[in-house]
Amino acid sequence: MADRWRWILAMGFSAFVLFGGLVLLFRGGADYSTLAWMLIVIGVLAVVVNLVMRDRFVP
């Protein structure tokens, strides 16, 4: 059960980073677009890794 919660928290954090990057991209202006794209890429990679590694965390 603890492994499932660990996976849920990891997905939540990944989605939060992705959402933060999207918000920063649309609301931050041109000055923060590079940071926003970096957050989006990190968030997408984290979500993909969490989905691939789901079998290890969720029995």
N, C-alpha and C. Protein backbone atom coordinates (compact mmCIF):
# COMPACT_ATOMS: atom_id res chain seq x y z
N MET A 1 0.83 -1.20 0.00
CA MET A 1 0.00 0.00 0.00
C MET A 1 0.87 1.26 0.00
N ALA A 2 1.98 1.21 0.73
CA ALA A 2 2.86 2.38 0.77
C ALA A 2 3.49 2.63 -0.59
N ASP A 3 3.74 1.56 -1.35
CA ASP A 3 4.32 1.73 -2.68
C ASP A 3 3.36 2.46 -3.61
N ARG A 4 2.08 2.15 -3.47
CA ARG A 4 1.08 2.83 -4.30
C ARG A 4 1.03 4.32 -3.99
N TRP A 5 1.10 4.65 -2.70
CA TRP A 5 1.08 6.07 -2.32
C TRP A 5 2.33 6.79 -2.79
N ARG A 6 3.45 6.09 -2.78
CA ARG A 6 4.69 6.69 -3.28
C ARG A 6 4.56 7.01 -4.77
N TRP A 7 3.94 6.10 -5.51
CA TRP A 7 3.75 6.33 -6.94
C TRP A 7 2.77 7.49 -7.18
N ILE A 8 1.70 7.54 -6.40
CA ILE A 8 0.72 8.62 -6.54
C ILE A 8 1.37 9.97 -6.23
N LEU A 9 2.18 10.03 -5.18
CA LEU A 9 2.87 11.28 -4.85
C LEU A 9 3.87 11.67 -5.93
N ALA A 10 4.56 10.69 -6.50
CA ALA A 10 5.51 10.98 -7.58
C ALA A 10 4.78 11.51 -8.81
N MET A 11 3.64 10.92 -9.14
CA MET A 11 2.87 11.41 -10.29
C MET A 11 2.31 12.81 -10.00
N GLY A 12 1.89 13.04 -8.78
CA GLY A 12 1.37 14.35 -8.43
C GLY A 12 2.44 15.42 -8.53
N PHE A 13 3.64 15.11 -8.06
CA PHE A 13 4.72 16.08 -8.17
C PHE A 13 5.09 16.33 -9.62
N SER A 14 5.12 15.28 -10.43
CA SER A 14 5.44 15.43 -11.84
C SER A 14 4.39 16.28 -12.55
N ALA A 15 3.14 16.02 -12.25
CA ALA A 15 2.06 16.81 -12.85
C ALA A 15 2.12 18.26 -12.38
N PHE A 16 2.49 18.47 -11.12
CA PHE A 16 2.61 19.83 -10.59
C PHE A 16 3.72 20.60 -11.31
N VAL A 17 4.85 19.95 -11.56
CA VAL A 17 5.95 20.60 -12.29
C VAL A 17 5.50 20.92 -13.71
N LEU A 18 4.82 19.98 -14.35
CA LEU A 18 4.32 20.21 -15.71
C LEU A 18 3.31 21.35 -15.74
N PHE A 19 2.40 21.35 -14.80
CA PHE A 19 1.39 22.41 -14.73
C PHE A 19 2.05 23.77 -14.44
N GLY A 20 3.03 23.78 -13.56
CA GLY A 20 3.75 25.02 -13.27
C GLY A 20 4.46 25.56 -14.50
N GLY A 21 5.04 24.67 -15.30
CA GLY A 21 5.68 25.10 -16.54
C GLY A 21 4.68 25.68 -17.52
N LEU A 22 3.51 25.08 -17.62
CA LEU A 22 2.49 25.60 -18.53
C LEU A 22 1.97 26.96 -18.07
N VAL A 23 1.75 27.10 -16.77
CA VAL A 23 1.29 28.38 -16.24
C VAL A 23 2.35 29.46 -16.47
N LEU A 24 3.60 29.12 -16.20
CA LEU A 24 4.68 30.08 -16.40
C LEU A 24 4.83 30.45 -17.87
N LEU A 25 4.60 29.49 -18.75
CA LEU A 25 4.70 29.76 -20.18
C LEU A 25 3.65 30.77 -20.64
N PHE A 26 2.43 30.61 -20.15
CA PHE A 26 1.35 31.48 -20.60
C PHE A 26 1.23 32.77 -19.80
N ARG A 27 1.67 32.77 -18.54
CA ARG A 27 1.49 33.95 -17.71
C ARG A 27 2.78 34.69 -17.41
N GLY A 28 3.94 34.06 -17.64
CA GLY A 28 5.21 34.66 -17.25
C GLY A 28 5.78 35.64 -18.25
N GLY A 29 5.34 35.56 -19.47
CA GLY A 29 5.87 36.46 -20.47
C GLY A 29 7.14 35.91 -21.11
N ALA A 30 7.71 36.72 -21.97
CA ALA A 30 8.88 36.30 -22.76
C ALA A 30 10.12 36.10 -21.90
N ASP A 31 10.20 36.80 -20.77
CA ASP A 31 11.38 36.69 -19.92
C ASP A 31 11.55 35.31 -19.31
N TYR A 32 10.45 34.61 -19.09
CA TYR A 32 10.48 33.32 -18.40
C TYR A 32 10.18 32.15 -19.31
N SER A 33 10.16 32.36 -20.62
CA SER A 33 9.78 31.28 -21.52
C SER A 33 10.80 30.13 -21.51
N THR A 34 12.09 30.44 -21.39
CA THR A 34 13.09 29.38 -21.35
C THR A 34 12.92 28.52 -20.10
N LEU A 35 12.73 29.15 -18.96
CA LEU A 35 12.49 28.41 -17.73
C LEU A 35 11.20 27.59 -17.82
N ALA A 36 10.18 28.17 -18.42
CA ALA A 36 8.91 27.45 -18.56
C ALA A 36 9.08 26.20 -19.42
N TRP A 37 9.80 26.32 -20.53
CA TRP A 37 10.02 25.15 -21.39
C TRP A 37 10.86 24.10 -20.69
N MET A 38 11.82 24.53 -19.88
CA MET A 38 12.62 23.55 -19.12
C MET A 38 11.73 22.80 -18.13
N LEU A 39 10.84 23.51 -17.44
CA LEU A 39 9.93 22.85 -16.51
C LEU A 39 8.98 21.90 -17.23
N ILE A 40 8.52 22.29 -18.41
CA ILE A 40 7.63 21.42 -19.18
C ILE A 40 8.35 20.15 -19.59
N VAL A 41 9.57 20.28 -20.07
CA VAL A 41 10.34 19.09 -20.48
C VAL A 41 10.62 18.18 -19.29
N ILE A 42 11.03 18.77 -18.17
CA ILE A 42 11.28 17.97 -16.97
C ILE A 42 10.00 17.28 -16.50
N GLY A 43 8.89 18.00 -16.53
CA GLY A 43 7.61 17.41 -16.12
C GLY A 43 7.17 16.27 -17.02
N VAL A 44 7.33 16.44 -18.32
CA VAL A 44 6.94 15.37 -19.25
C VAL A 44 7.84 14.15 -19.06
N LEU A 45 9.13 14.38 -18.92
CA LEU A 45 10.04 13.25 -18.69
C LEU A 45 9.72 12.53 -17.39
N ALA A 46 9.39 13.29 -16.35
CA ALA A 46 9.06 12.67 -15.07
C ALA A 46 7.77 11.86 -15.16
N VAL A 47 6.78 12.36 -15.88
CA VAL A 47 5.53 11.62 -16.05
C VAL A 47 5.79 10.33 -16.83
N VAL A 48 6.58 10.42 -17.88
CA VAL A 48 6.88 9.22 -18.68
C VAL A 48 7.63 8.19 -17.84
N VAL A 49 8.62 8.62 -17.08
CA VAL A 49 9.36 7.69 -16.23
C VAL A 49 8.44 7.07 -15.18
N ASN A 50 7.55 7.85 -14.61
CA ASN A 50 6.62 7.30 -13.61
C ASN A 50 5.67 6.29 -14.23
N LEU A 51 5.22 6.53 -15.45
CA LEU A 51 4.33 5.58 -16.10
C LEU A 51 5.07 4.30 -16.49
N VAL A 52 6.32 4.43 -16.93
CA VAL A 52 7.10 3.25 -17.29
C VAL A 52 7.44 2.43 -16.05
N MET A 53 7.77 3.10 -14.97
CA MET A 53 8.19 2.41 -13.76
C MET A 53 7.02 2.07 -12.83
N ARG A 54 5.80 2.20 -13.30
CA ARG A 54 4.63 1.95 -12.46
C ARG A 54 4.60 0.52 -11.94
N ASP A 55 5.03 -0.43 -12.75
CA ASP A 55 5.01 -1.83 -12.32
C ASP A 55 5.88 -2.08 -11.10
N ARG A 56 6.93 -1.31 -10.97
CA ARG A 56 7.81 -1.48 -9.81
C ARG A 56 7.16 -0.95 -8.54
N PHE A 57 6.38 0.14 -8.66
CA PHE A 57 5.80 0.76 -7.46
C PHE A 57 4.45 0.19 -7.10
N VAL A 58 3.62 -0.08 -8.10
CA VAL A 58 2.25 -0.54 -7.83
C VAL A 58 2.17 -2.04 -8.15
N PRO A 59 2.02 -2.86 -7.13
CA PRO A 59 1.98 -4.31 -7.38
C PRO A 59 0.70 -4.74 -8.08
